[in-house]
Structure formats: C-alpha cells, structure tokens
PDB file of N, CA and C in Angstrom:
ATOM      1  N   MET A   1     216.927  22.041 157.157  1.00  0.00           N
ATOM      2  CA  MET A   1     216.136  22.854 156.334  1.00  0.00           C
ATOM      3  C   MET A   1     214.684  22.801 156.440  1.00  0.00           C
ATOM      4  N   GLY A   2     214.167  24.091 157.035  1.00  0.00           N
ATOM      5  CA  GLY A   2     212.535  23.995 156.953  1.00  0.00           C
ATOM      6  C   GLY A   2     211.706  23.440 155.990  1.00  0.00           C
ATOM      7  N   LEU A   3     210.385  23.418 155.735  1.00  0.00           N
ATOM      8  CA  LEU A   3     209.481  23.062 154.757  1.00  0.00           C
ATOM      9  C   LEU A   3     208.993  25.022 154.117  1.00  0.00           C
ATOM     10  N   ILE A   4     209.128  25.481 155.133  1.00  0.00           N
ATOM     11  CA  ILE A   4     208.744  26.782 154.877  1.00  0.00           C
ATOM     12  C   ILE A   4     210.084  28.226 154.829  1.00  0.00           C
ATOM     13  N   GLY A   5     210.528  28.744 153.725  1.00  0.00           N
ATOM     14  CA  GLY A   5     211.512  29.592 154.175  1.00  0.00           C
ATOM     15  C   GLY A   5     211.298  30.948 154.704  1.00  0.00           C
ATOM     16  N   SER A   6     211.786  31.531 155.138  1.00  0.00           N
ATOM     17  CA  SER A   6     212.009  32.941 155.339  1.00  0.00           C
ATOM     18  C   SER A   6     211.998  34.255 154.589  1.00  0.00           C
ATOM     19  N   SER A   7     211.281  33.856 153.665  1.00  0.00           N
ATOM     20  CA  SER A   7     211.231  35.205 153.102  1.00  0.00           C
ATOM     21  C   SER A   7     210.185  35.845 152.861  1.00  0.00           C
ATOM     22  N   ASP A   8     210.335  37.193 153.375  1.00  0.00           N
ATOM     23  CA  ASP A   8     209.815  38.353 153.820  1.00  0.00           C
ATOM     24  C   ASP A   8     209.038  39.422 152.585  1.00  0.00           C
ATOM     25  N   GLY A   9     209.046  38.560 151.037  1.00  0.00           N
ATOM     26  CA  GLY A   9     208.518  39.421 150.103  1.00  0.00           C
ATOM     27  C   GLY A   9     207.193  39.418 149.891  1.00  0.00           C
ATOM     28  N   LYS A  10     206.481  39.560 149.062  1.00  0.00           N
ATOM     29  CA  LYS A  10     204.762  39.776 148.942  1.00  0.00           C
ATOM     30  C   LYS A  10     205.019  39.266 147.271  1.00  0.00           C
ATOM     31  N   THR A  11     203.762  38.164 147.328  1.00  0.00           N
ATOM     32  CA  THR A  11     203.385  37.394 146.632  1.00  0.00           C
ATOM     33  C   THR A  11     202.028  38.085 146.080  1.00  0.00           C
ATOM     34  N   ALA A  12     201.938  38.355 144.983  1.00  0.00           N
ATOM     35  CA  ALA A  12     200.061  38.468 144.477  1.00  0.00           C
ATOM     36  C   ALA A  12     199.195  37.119 144.579  1.00  0.00           C
ATOM     37  N   VAL A  13     198.289  36.688 145.003  1.00  0.00           N
ATOM     38  CA  VAL A  13     197.504  35.984 144.433  1.00  0.00           C
ATOM     39  C   VAL A  13     196.401  36.109 144.099  1.00  0.00           C
ATOM     40  N   ASN A  14     195.737  35.745 142.483  1.00  0.00           N
ATOM     41  CA  ASN A  14     195.066  36.093 142.141  1.00  0.00           C
ATOM     42  C   ASN A  14     193.300  34.873 142.227  1.00  0.00           C
ATOM     43  N   LEU A  15     192.381  35.217 142.459  1.00  0.00           N
ATOM     44  CA  LEU A  15     191.060  34.260 142.905  1.00  0.00           C
ATOM     45  C   LEU A  15     190.120  34.724 142.281  1.00  0.00           C
ATOM     46  N   SER A  16     189.582  34.088 141.381  1.00  0.00           N
ATOM     47  CA  SER A  16     187.999  34.112 140.862  1.00  0.00           C
ATOM     48  C   SER A  16     187.002  33.740 141.448  1.00  0.00           C
ATOM     49  N   LEU A  17     186.002  34.585 142.412  1.00  0.00           N
ATOM     50  CA  LEU A  17     184.485  33.460 143.109  1.00  0.00           C
ATOM     51  C   LEU A  17     183.597  34.302 142.026  1.00  0.00           C
ATOM     52  N   PRO A  18     182.625  33.362 142.217  1.00  0.00           N
ATOM     53  CA  PRO A  18     181.309  33.777 141.411  1.00  0.00           C
ATOM     54  C   PRO A  18     180.737  34.970 142.775  1.00  0.00           C
ATOM     55  N   GLU A  19     180.051  35.720 141.694  1.00  0.00           N
ATOM     56  CA  GLU A  19     179.084  36.449 142.271  1.00  0.00           C
ATOM     57  C   GLU A  19     178.417  36.407 143.732  1.00  0.00           C
ATOM     58  N   GLN A  20     177.696  35.234 143.436  1.00  0.00           N
ATOM     59  CA  GLN A  20     176.987  34.613 144.796  1.00  0.00           C
ATOM     60  C   GLN A  20     177.695  34.346 145.717  1.00  0.00           C
ATOM     61  N   VAL A  21     178.783  34.040 145.804  1.00  0.00           N
ATOM     62  CA  VAL A  21     179.708  33.191 147.022  1.00  0.00           C
ATOM     63  C   VAL A  21     180.276  35.272 147.261  1.00  0.00           C
ATOM     64  N   VAL A  22     180.754  35.953 146.548  1.00  0.00           N
ATOM     65  CA  VAL A  22     180.886  37.256 147.182  1.00  0.00           C
ATOM     66  C   VAL A  22     179.729  37.888 148.097  1.00  0.00           C
ATOM     67  N   GLU A  23     178.343  37.775 147.366  1.00  0.00           N
ATOM     68  CA  GLU A  23     177.313  37.883 148.152  1.00  0.00           C
ATOM     69  C   GLU A  23     177.318  37.195 149.535  1.00  0.00           C
ATOM     70  N   ARG A  24     177.670  36.168 149.825  1.00  0.00           N
ATOM     71  CA  ARG A  24     177.115  35.121 150.745  1.00  0.00           C
ATOM     72  C   ARG A  24     178.703  35.796 151.811  1.00  0.00           C
ATOM     73  N   ILE A  25     179.675  35.921 151.594  1.00  0.00           N
ATOM     74  CA  ILE A  25     180.827  36.786 151.998  1.00  0.00           C
ATOM     75  C   ILE A  25     180.737  37.748 152.811  1.00  0.00           C
ATOM     76  N   HIS A  26     179.652  38.557 151.863  1.00  0.00           N
ATOM     77  CA  HIS A  26     178.941  40.120 152.407  1.00  0.00           C
ATOM     78  C   HIS A  26     178.418  40.068 153.890  1.00  0.00           C
ATOM     79  N   TYR A  27     177.534  38.610 153.652  1.00  0.00           N
ATOM     80  CA  TYR A  27     176.403  38.825 154.537  1.00  0.00           C
ATOM     81  C   TYR A  27     177.128  37.862 155.819  1.00  0.00           C
ATOM     82  N   GLU A  28     178.365  36.792 155.622  1.00  0.00           N
ATOM     83  CA  GLU A  28     179.348  36.749 156.718  1.00  0.00           C
ATOM     84  C   GLU A  28     179.771  37.505 157.533  1.00  0.00           C
ATOM     85  N   ALA A  29     180.411  38.711 156.683  1.00  0.00           N
ATOM     86  CA  ALA A  29     180.930  39.548 157.691  1.00  0.00           C
ATOM     87  C   ALA A  29     180.136  40.795 157.948  1.00  0.00           C
ATOM     88  N   LYS A  30     179.171  41.239 157.720  1.00  0.00           N
ATOM     89  CA  LYS A  30     178.012  41.762 158.063  1.00  0.00           C
ATOM     90  C   LYS A  30     177.319  41.537 159.521  1.00  0.00           C
ATOM     91  N   HIS A  31     177.592  39.702 159.575  1.00  0.00           N
ATOM     92  CA  HIS A  31     176.681  39.161 161.182  1.00  0.00           C
ATOM     93  C   HIS A  31     178.104  38.711 161.453  1.00  0.00           C
ATOM     94  N   HIS A  32     179.416  38.751 161.257  1.00  0.00           N
ATOM     95  CA  HIS A  32     180.358  38.523 162.601  1.00  0.00           C
ATOM     96  C   HIS A  32     180.683  39.311 163.594  1.00  0.00           C
ATOM     97  N   ASP A  33     180.986  37.981 164.279  1.00  0.00           N
ATOM     98  CA  ASP A  33     181.485  38.556 166.039  1.00  0.00           C
ATOM     99  C   ASP A  33     181.956  39.375 166.224  1.00  0.00           C
ATOM    100  N   GLN A  34     183.183  39.507 165.252  1.00  0.00           N
ATOM    101  CA  GLN A  34     184.691  40.890 165.805  1.00  0.00           C
ATOM    102  C   GLN A  34     184.546  41.293 164.489  1.00  0.00           C
ATOM    103  N   LYS A  35     183.579  41.880 164.183  1.00  0.00           N
ATOM    104  CA  LYS A  35     183.247  42.785 163.243  1.00  0.00           C
ATOM    105  C   LYS A  35     184.608  43.594 162.957  1.00  0.00           C
ATOM    106  N   ARG A  36     185.175  44.176 164.119  1.00  0.00           N
ATOM    107  CA  ARG A  36     185.928  45.096 164.754  1.00  0.00           C
ATOM    108  C   ARG A  36     187.649  44.822 164.200  1.00  0.00           C
ATOM    109  N   ALA A  37     187.332  43.478 164.377  1.00  0.00           N
ATOM    110  CA  ALA A  37     188.590  42.903 164.026  1.00  0.00           C
ATOM    111  C   ALA A  37     189.279  43.047 162.330  1.00  0.00           C
ATOM    112  N   PHE A  38     188.441  43.650 161.482  1.00  0.00           N
ATOM    113  CA  PHE A  38     188.343  43.335 160.386  1.00  0.00           C
ATOM    114  C   PHE A  38     187.903  44.766 159.991  1.00  0.00           C
ATOM    115  N   ASN A  39     187.317  45.635 160.315  1.00  0.00           N
ATOM    116  CA  ASN A  39     187.235  46.964 160.041  1.00  0.00           C
ATOM    117  C   ASN A  39     188.272  48.071 160.719  1.00  0.00           C
ATOM    118  N   ARG A  40     189.098  47.467 160.871  1.00  0.00           N
ATOM    119  CA  ARG A  40     190.103  48.675 161.626  1.00  0.00           C
ATOM    120  C   ARG A  40     191.059  48.811 160.560  1.00  0.00           C
ATOM    121  N   GLY A  41     191.357  48.018 159.365  1.00  0.00           N
ATOM    122  CA  GLY A  41     191.720  47.784 158.499  1.00  0.00           C
ATOM    123  C   GLY A  41     193.167  48.048 158.276  1.00  0.00           C
ATOM    124  N   ASP A  42     194.044  47.322 159.518  1.00  0.00           N
ATOM    125  CA  ASP A  42     195.361  47.408 159.782  1.00  0.00           C
ATOM    126  C   ASP A  42     195.767  45.878 159.361  1.00  0.00           C
ATOM    127  N   ILE A  43     195.641  45.228 158.579  1.00  0.00           N
ATOM    128  CA  ILE A  43     195.851  43.995 158.306  1.00  0.00           C
ATOM    129  C   ILE A  43     196.563  44.027 157.177  1.00  0.00           C
ATOM    130  N   PRO A  44     197.745  43.200 156.884  1.00  0.00           N
ATOM    131  CA  PRO A  44     198.763  43.026 156.314  1.00  0.00           C
ATOM    132  C   PRO A  44     198.300  42.458 154.888  1.00  0.00           C
ATOM    133  N   VAL A  45     197.102  41.852 154.482  1.00  0.00           N
ATOM    134  CA  VAL A  45     196.722  41.576 153.597  1.00  0.00           C
ATOM    135  C   VAL A  45     195.699  42.033 152.467  1.00  0.00           C
ATOM    136  N   SER A  46     195.948  42.784 151.262  1.00  0.00           N
ATOM    137  CA  SER A  46     195.148  43.740 150.449  1.00  0.00           C
ATOM    138  C   SER A  46     194.485  43.055 149.343  1.00  0.00           C
ATOM    139  N   PRO A  47     193.399  41.892 149.687  1.00  0.00           N
ATOM    140  CA  PRO A  47     192.575  41.558 148.180  1.00  0.00           C
ATOM    141  C   PRO A  47     191.853  42.857 147.913  1.00  0.00           C
ATOM    142  N   SER A  48     191.725  42.280 146.512  1.00  0.00           N
ATOM    143  CA  SER A  48     190.938  43.613 145.717  1.00  0.00           C
ATOM    144  C   SER A  48     189.636  42.613 144.945  1.00  0.00           C
ATOM    145  N   VAL A  49     188.538  42.776 144.988  1.00  0.00           N
ATOM    146  CA  VAL A  49     187.670  42.205 144.570  1.00  0.00           C
ATOM    147  C   VAL A  49     186.627  43.132 143.797  1.00  0.00           C
ATOM    148  N   GLN A  50     186.500  42.589 142.333  1.00  0.00           N
ATOM    149  CA  GLN A  50     186.212  43.115 141.166  1.00  0.00           C
ATOM    150  C   GLN A  50     184.832  42.441 141.007  1.00  0.00           C
ATOM    151  N   TYR A  51     183.880  43.222 142.204  1.00  0.00           N
ATOM    152  CA  TYR A  51     182.650  42.399 141.691  1.00  0.00           C
ATOM    153  C   TYR A  51     181.446  43.331 140.254  1.00  0.00           C
ATOM    154  N   GLU A  52     180.997  42.525 139.728  1.00  0.00           N
ATOM    155  CA  GLU A  52     180.036  43.324 138.436  1.00  0.00           C
ATOM    156  C   GLU A  52     178.388  42.920 138.769  1.00  0.00           C
ATOM    157  N   GLY A  53     178.126  42.284 139.889  1.00  0.00           N
ATOM    158  CA  GLY A  53     176.792  42.333 139.996  1.00  0.00           C
ATOM    159  C   GLY A  53     176.088  43.629 140.612  1.00  0.00           C
ATOM    160  N   ASN A  54     174.628  43.556 141.143  1.00  0.00           N
ATOM    161  CA  ASN A  54     173.952  45.005 141.362  1.00  0.00           C
ATOM    162  C   ASN A  54     173.475  44.792 142.620  1.00  0.00           C
ATOM    163  N   LYS A  55     173.999  43.716 143.517  1.00  0.00           N
ATOM    164  CA  LYS A  55     173.267  43.437 144.958  1.00  0.00           C
ATOM    165  C   LYS A  55     174.267  44.070 146.201  1.00  0.00           C
ATOM    166  N   LEU A  56     175.426  44.576 145.286  1.00  0.00           N
ATOM    167  CA  LEU A  56     176.752  44.932 146.659  1.00  0.00           C
ATOM    168  C   LEU A  56     176.698  46.405 146.079  1.00  0.00           C
ATOM    169  N   THR A  57     176.738  47.716 147.216  1.00  0.00           N
ATOM    170  CA  THR A  57     177.373  48.943 146.825  1.00  0.00           C
ATOM    171  C   THR A  57     178.851  48.663 147.239  1.00  0.00           C
ATOM    172  N   ASP A  58     179.663  49.995 146.865  1.00  0.00           N
ATOM    173  CA  ASP A  58     180.878  49.558 146.862  1.00  0.00           C
ATOM    174  C   ASP A  58     181.460  49.920 148.025  1.00  0.00           C
ATOM    175  N   GLU A  59     180.298  50.167 149.056  1.00  0.00           N
ATOM    176  CA  GLU A  59     180.876  50.146 150.674  1.00  0.00           C
ATOM    177  C   GLU A  59     180.793  48.398 150.973  1.00  0.00           C
ATOM    178  N   GLN A  60     179.988  47.773 150.657  1.00  0.00           N
ATOM    179  CA  GLN A  60     179.781  46.722 150.939  1.00  0.00           C
ATOM    180  C   GLN A  60     180.586  46.020 150.354  1.00  0.00           C
ATOM    181  N   VAL A  61     181.186  45.888 148.842  1.00  0.00           N
ATOM    182  CA  VAL A  61     182.414  45.241 148.629  1.00  0.00           C
ATOM    183  C   VAL A  61     183.721  46.034 149.453  1.00  0.00           C
ATOM    184  N   GLU A  62     183.913  46.703 149.597  1.00  0.00           N
ATOM    185  CA  GLU A  62     185.150  47.044 150.946  1.00  0.00           C
ATOM    186  C   GLU A  62     184.979  46.451 151.755  1.00  0.00           C
ATOM    187  N   LEU A  63     183.773  46.199 152.511  1.00  0.00           N
ATOM    188  CA  LEU A  63     183.570  45.001 153.425  1.00  0.00           C
ATOM    189  C   LEU A  63     184.235  43.913 153.382  1.00  0.00           C
ATOM    190  N   VAL A  64     183.759  43.128 152.359  1.00  0.00           N
ATOM    191  CA  VAL A  64     183.704  42.115 151.674  1.00  0.00           C
ATOM    192  C   VAL A  64     185.589  41.600 151.844  1.00  0.00           C
ATOM    193  N   GLU A  65     185.754  43.046 151.027  1.00  0.00           N
ATOM    194  CA  GLU A  65     187.814  42.842 150.621  1.00  0.00           C
ATOM    195  C   GLU A  65     188.510  42.854 152.385  1.00  0.00           C
ATOM    196  N   ARG A  66     187.948  43.602 152.931  1.00  0.00           N
ATOM    197  CA  ARG A  66     188.474  43.768 154.570  1.00  0.00           C
ATOM    198  C   ARG A  66     187.972  42.502 155.380  1.00  0.00           C
ATOM    199  N   TYR A  67     187.219  41.574 154.791  1.00  0.00           N
ATOM    200  CA  TYR A  67     186.425  40.343 155.731  1.00  0.00           C
ATOM    201  C   TYR A  67     187.503  39.416 155.007  1.00  0.00           C
ATOM    202  N   ILE A  68     188.051  39.460 153.821  1.00  0.00           N
ATOM    203  CA  ILE A  68     188.467  38.343 153.072  1.00  0.00           C
ATOM    204  C   ILE A  68     190.139  38.736 154.130  1.00  0.00           C
ATOM    205  N   SER A  69     190.515  39.640 153.930  1.00  0.00           N
ATOM    206  CA  SER A  69     191.861  40.004 154.450  1.00  0.00           C
ATOM    207  C   SER A  69     191.956  39.684 155.757  1.00  0.00           C
ATOM    208  N   TYR A  70     190.929  39.572 156.411  1.00  0.00           N
ATOM    209  CA  TYR A  70     190.877  39.166 157.896  1.00  0.00           C
ATOM    210  C   TYR A  70     190.812  37.789 158.010  1.00  0.00           C
ATOM    211  N   MET A  71     190.077  36.804 157.247  1.00  0.00           N
ATOM    212  CA  MET A  71     190.471  35.699 157.092  1.00  0.00           C
ATOM    213  C   MET A  71     191.551  34.789 156.573  1.00  0.00           C
ATOM    214  N   LEU A  72     192.117  35.425 155.887  1.00  0.00           N
ATOM    215  CA  LEU A  72     193.689  35.194 155.159  1.00  0.00           C
ATOM    216  C   LEU A  72     194.525  35.001 156.551  1.00  0.00           C
ATOM    217  N   TYR A  73     194.555  36.278 157.097  1.00  0.00           N
ATOM    218  CA  TYR A  73     195.185  36.566 158.063  1.00  0.00           C
ATOM    219  C   TYR A  73     195.407  35.706 159.172  1.00  0.00           C
ATOM    220  N   ASP A  74     193.992  35.526 159.602  1.00  0.00           N
ATOM    221  CA  ASP A  74     193.731  34.614 161.149  1.00  0.00           C
ATOM    222  C   ASP A  74     193.920  33.409 160.725  1.00  0.00           C
ATOM    223  N   SER A  75     194.368  32.662 159.624  1.00  0.00           N
ATOM    224  CA  SER A  75     194.481  31.638 159.245  1.00  0.00           C
ATOM    225  C   SER A  75     196.142  31.486 159.217  1.00  0.00           C
ATOM    226  N   VAL A  76     196.454  31.707 159.207  1.00  0.00           N
ATOM    227  CA  VAL A  76     197.948  31.720 159.645  1.00  0.00           C
ATOM    228  C   VAL A  76     199.166  32.604 160.572  1.00  0.00           C
ATOM    229  N   PRO A  77     199.329  31.650 161.180  1.00  0.00           N
ATOM    230  CA  PRO A  77     200.506  31.826 162.205  1.00  0.00           C
ATOM    231  C   PRO A  77     200.912  33.495 162.286  1.00  0.00           C
ATOM    232  N   ARG A  78     200.445  34.500 163.638  1.00  0.00           N
ATOM    233  CA  ARG A  78     201.072  35.786 163.162  1.00  0.00           C
ATOM    234  C   ARG A  78     202.803  35.964 163.010  1.00  0.00           C
ATOM    235  N   LYS A  79     203.270  34.801 163.526  1.00  0.00           N
ATOM    236  CA  LYS A  79     205.114  34.985 163.605  1.00  0.00           C
ATOM    237  C   LYS A  79     205.284  35.307 161.923  1.00  0.00           C
ATOM    238  N   TYR A  80     204.627  34.743 160.999  1.00  0.00           N
ATOM    239  CA  TYR A  80     204.967  34.646 159.465  1.00  0.00           C
ATOM    240  C   TYR A  80     204.473  35.674 159.001  1.00  0.00           C
ATOM    241  N   PHE A  81     203.834  36.950 159.345  1.00  0.00           N
ATOM    242  CA  PHE A  81     203.512  37.735 159.176  1.00  0.00           C
ATOM    243  C   PHE A  81     204.455  38.885 159.849  1.00  0.00           C
ATOM    244  N   ARG A  82     205.033  38.552 160.839  1.00  0.00           N
ATOM    245  CA  ARG A  82     206.141  39.554 161.330  1.00  0.00           C
ATOM    246  C   ARG A  82     207.645  38.825 160.918  1.00  0.00           C
ATOM    247  N   GLY A  83     207.524  38.008 160.210  1.00  0.00           N
ATOM    248  CA  GLY A  83     209.294  37.529 159.735  1.00  0.00           C
ATOM    249  C   GLY A  83     210.134  36.670 160.834  1.00  0.00           C
ATOM    250  N   GLU A  84     209.299  36.354 161.822  1.00  0.00           N
ATOM    251  CA  GLU A  84     209.909  35.731 162.734  1.00  0.00           C
ATOM    252  C   GLU A  84     210.034  34.193 162.468  1.00  0.00           C
ATOM    253  N   GLU A  85     210.782  33.300 162.986  1.00  0.00           N
ATOM    254  CA  GLU A  85     211.187  32.205 162.500  1.00  0.00           C
ATOM    255  C   GLU A  85     210.904  31.018 163.912  1.00  0.00           C
TER     256      GLU A  85
END
C-alpha cells in the first residue's frame, strides 16, 4: 500500500497571508521568467485571494492568484493531477 492514495476528489485548502506577502508575490509574478505558463489560466488549481490592501488592483490580485496556482501545480508531479499511479 502506497503512502499517497489514488483519490481524484478535490479538497479545499485555506491559507492566510499578510498583505505584504501578497504584494511580494505580485512582484515575483510580474517579473517571473515564465509568465505565460500561469497567464494561460488552464492550471487545475484555483486559489482565491481576498486582498483588502490598497496597493494592488483587482487585475493584480488575479495575477497573484494565477501565480499561486502555478507555484502549487509546478511543485507536484503532473501524474498526480492526471490521476495516474
């Protein structure tokens, strides 16, 4: 029996970050070498950022969400997203 199961259901993950971290993630996303990779929007991870600060616009927060999606997706082997074993 393997350590990782074969469940293909989805589980929500809640995360709270300081506003300055969200702003830093925006900076990193804006200057990332592979910006096209997360701007396509076809990544099977869907974070939602409730940013209450005044330094980022709604479009910038969307970029943060796409970049977080990319970071989470990129760190896990693709086979787990496709349900392979």
